[in-house]
C-alpha atoms as a PDB file:
ATOM      1  CA  MET A   1      -0.025  -0.084  -0.064  1.00  0.00           C
ATOM      2  CA  GLN A   2       1.305   3.528  -0.792  1.00  0.00           C
ATOM      3  CA  ALA A   3       1.809   6.177   1.682  1.00  0.00           C
ATOM      4  CA  PRO A   4      -0.521   9.107   1.173  1.00  0.00           C
ATOM      5  CA  VAL A   5       0.918  12.204  -0.654  1.00  0.00           C
ATOM      6  CA  LEU A   6       0.245  15.369   1.176  1.00  0.00           C
ATOM      7  CA  VAL A   7       0.803  19.026  -0.215  1.00  0.00           C
ATOM      8  CA  LEU A   8       0.683  21.981   2.016  1.00  0.00           C
ATOM      9  CA  LYS A   9      -0.508  25.055   0.229  1.00  0.00           C
ATOM     10  CA  ALA A  10      -0.148  28.621   1.574  1.00  0.00           C
ATOM     11  CA  ILE A  11      -3.328  30.673   1.221  1.00  0.00           C
ATOM     12  CA  GLU A  12      -3.631  33.859   2.928  1.00  0.00           C
ATOM     13  CA  ASP A  13      -0.909  33.083   5.453  1.00  0.00           C
ATOM     14  CA  SER A  14      -2.471  29.638   6.382  1.00  0.00           C
ATOM     15  CA  LEU A  15      -1.648  26.151   5.445  1.00  0.00           C
ATOM     16  CA  ASN A  16      -4.156  23.906   3.993  1.00  0.00           C
ATOM     17  CA  ARG A  17      -3.436  20.214   3.680  1.00  0.00           C
ATOM     18  CA  GLU A  18      -4.433  18.516   0.407  1.00  0.00           C
ATOM     19  CA  SER A  19      -4.409  14.926  -0.512  1.00  0.00           C
ATOM     20  CA  GLY A  20      -5.954  12.287  -3.004  1.00  0.00           C
ATOM     21  CA  SER A  21      -5.828  11.649  -6.477  1.00  0.00           C
ATOM     22  CA  LYS A  22      -5.874  15.383  -7.395  1.00  0.00           C
ATOM     23  CA  VAL A  23      -2.523  15.925  -5.579  1.00  0.00           C
ATOM     24  CA  HIS A  24      -1.050  12.934  -7.237  1.00  0.00           C
ATOM     25  CA  HIS A  25      -1.813  14.250 -10.759  1.00  0.00           C
ATOM     26  CA  ALA A  26      -0.442  17.748  -9.772  1.00  0.00           C
ATOM     27  CA  ASN A  27       2.709  16.175  -8.636  1.00  0.00           C
ATOM     28  CA  ILE A  28       3.069  14.029 -11.861  1.00  0.00           C
ATOM     29  CA  GLN A  29       2.502  17.139 -13.956  1.00  0.00           C
ATOM     30  CA  ALA A  30       5.097  19.158 -12.121  1.00  0.00           C
ATOM     31  CA  SER A  31       7.518  16.472 -12.412  1.00  0.00           C
ATOM     32  CA  LYS A  32       6.829  15.880 -16.131  1.00  0.00           C
ATOM     33  CA  ALA A  33       7.362  19.663 -16.821  1.00  0.00           C
ATOM     34  CA  VAL A  34      10.684  19.600 -15.226  1.00  0.00           C
ATOM     35  CA  ALA A  35      11.788  16.441 -17.112  1.00  0.00           C
ATOM     36  CA  ASP A  36      10.680  17.804 -20.281  1.00  0.00           C
ATOM     37  CA  ILE A  37      13.058  20.700 -19.768  1.00  0.00           C
ATOM     38  CA  ILE A  38      15.978  18.468 -18.889  1.00  0.00           C
ATOM     39  CA  ARG A  39      15.330  15.716 -21.372  1.00  0.00           C
ATOM     40  CA  THR A  40      16.942  17.371 -24.357  1.00  0.00           C
ATOM     41  CA  THR A  41      20.196  18.086 -22.451  1.00  0.00           C
ATOM     42  CA  LEU A  42      20.875  14.310 -21.954  1.00  0.00           C
ATOM     43  CA  GLY A  43      22.600  11.884 -24.352  1.00  0.00           C
ATOM     44  CA  PRO A  44      25.050  12.248 -27.148  1.00  0.00           C
ATOM     45  CA  ARG A  45      22.641  14.450 -29.060  1.00  0.00           C
ATOM     46  CA  SER A  46      22.187  16.939 -26.244  1.00  0.00           C
ATOM     47  CA  MET A  47      21.031  20.381 -27.229  1.00  0.00           C
ATOM     48  CA  LEU A  48      22.110  23.611 -25.497  1.00  0.00           C
ATOM     49  CA  LYS A  49      19.556  25.753 -23.473  1.00  0.00           C
ATOM     50  CA  MET A  50      19.586  29.453 -23.260  1.00  0.00           C
ATOM     51  CA  LEU A  51      18.573  30.685 -19.929  1.00  0.00           C
ATOM     52  CA  LEU A  52      17.546  34.454 -19.666  1.00  0.00           C
ATOM     53  CA  ASP A  53      17.700  36.122 -16.200  1.00  0.00           C
ATOM     54  CA  THR A  54      14.659  38.315 -15.742  1.00  0.00           C
ATOM     55  CA  GLY A  55      16.535  40.445 -13.395  1.00  0.00           C
ATOM     56  CA  GLY A  56      18.957  41.599 -15.988  1.00  0.00           C
ATOM     57  CA  GLY A  57      21.904  39.406 -14.986  1.00  0.00           C
ATOM     58  CA  GLY A  58      22.467  38.178 -18.505  1.00  0.00           C
ATOM     59  CA  ILE A  59      22.288  34.996 -20.519  1.00  0.00           C
ATOM     60  CA  VAL A  60      23.376  31.641 -19.794  1.00  0.00           C
ATOM     61  CA  VAL A  61      23.863  29.098 -22.505  1.00  0.00           C
ATOM     62  CA  THR A  62      24.280  25.567 -21.287  1.00  0.00           C
ATOM     63  CA  ASN A  63      23.496  21.791 -21.625  1.00  0.00           C
ATOM     64  CA  ASP A  64      24.236  20.999 -18.164  1.00  0.00           C
ATOM     65  CA  GLY A  65      21.090  19.583 -16.480  1.00  0.00           C
ATOM     66  CA  ASN A  66      22.179  20.597 -12.822  1.00  0.00           C
ATOM     67  CA  CYS A  67      23.019  24.184 -13.988  1.00  0.00           C
ATOM     68  CA  ILE A  68      19.525  24.437 -15.597  1.00  0.00           C
ATOM     69  CA  LEU A  69      17.814  23.108 -12.440  1.00  0.00           C
ATOM     70  CA  ARG A  70      19.822  25.642 -10.172  1.00  0.00           C
ATOM     71  CA  GLU A  71      18.691  28.544 -12.380  1.00  0.00           C
ATOM     72  CA  LEU A  72      14.891  27.545 -12.512  1.00  0.00           C
ATOM     73  CA  ASP A  73      12.546  29.397  -9.921  1.00  0.00           C
ATOM     74  CA  LEU A  74      10.110  26.411  -9.011  1.00  0.00           C
ATOM     75  CA  ALA A  75       7.271  26.919  -6.918  1.00  0.00           C
ATOM     76  CA  HIS A  76       5.663  23.614  -6.915  1.00  0.00           C
ATOM     77  CA  PRO A  77       7.053  21.291  -3.821  1.00  0.00           C
ATOM     78  CA  ALA A  78       7.254  18.140  -5.942  1.00  0.00           C
ATOM     79  CA  ALA A  79       9.131  20.005  -8.757  1.00  0.00           C
ATOM     80  CA  LYS A  80      11.684  21.304  -6.253  1.00  0.00           C
END
């Protein structure tokens, strides 16, 4: 039996606990979104990604998945 997955969601300075299949689907979608970003940087035919800093910090061109994950600003707990 699987352990229940709980997501704490901050709404107006209070935490609400969510559980169930809706949370499972949200976690799967978040992890798929991150995987889609990283997928093309893997393997012998890896492609470069151009990351733009919105704060005016400049442009980073890399095919390193770790560098890309460090630069992403992720809000979803499962995607982090």
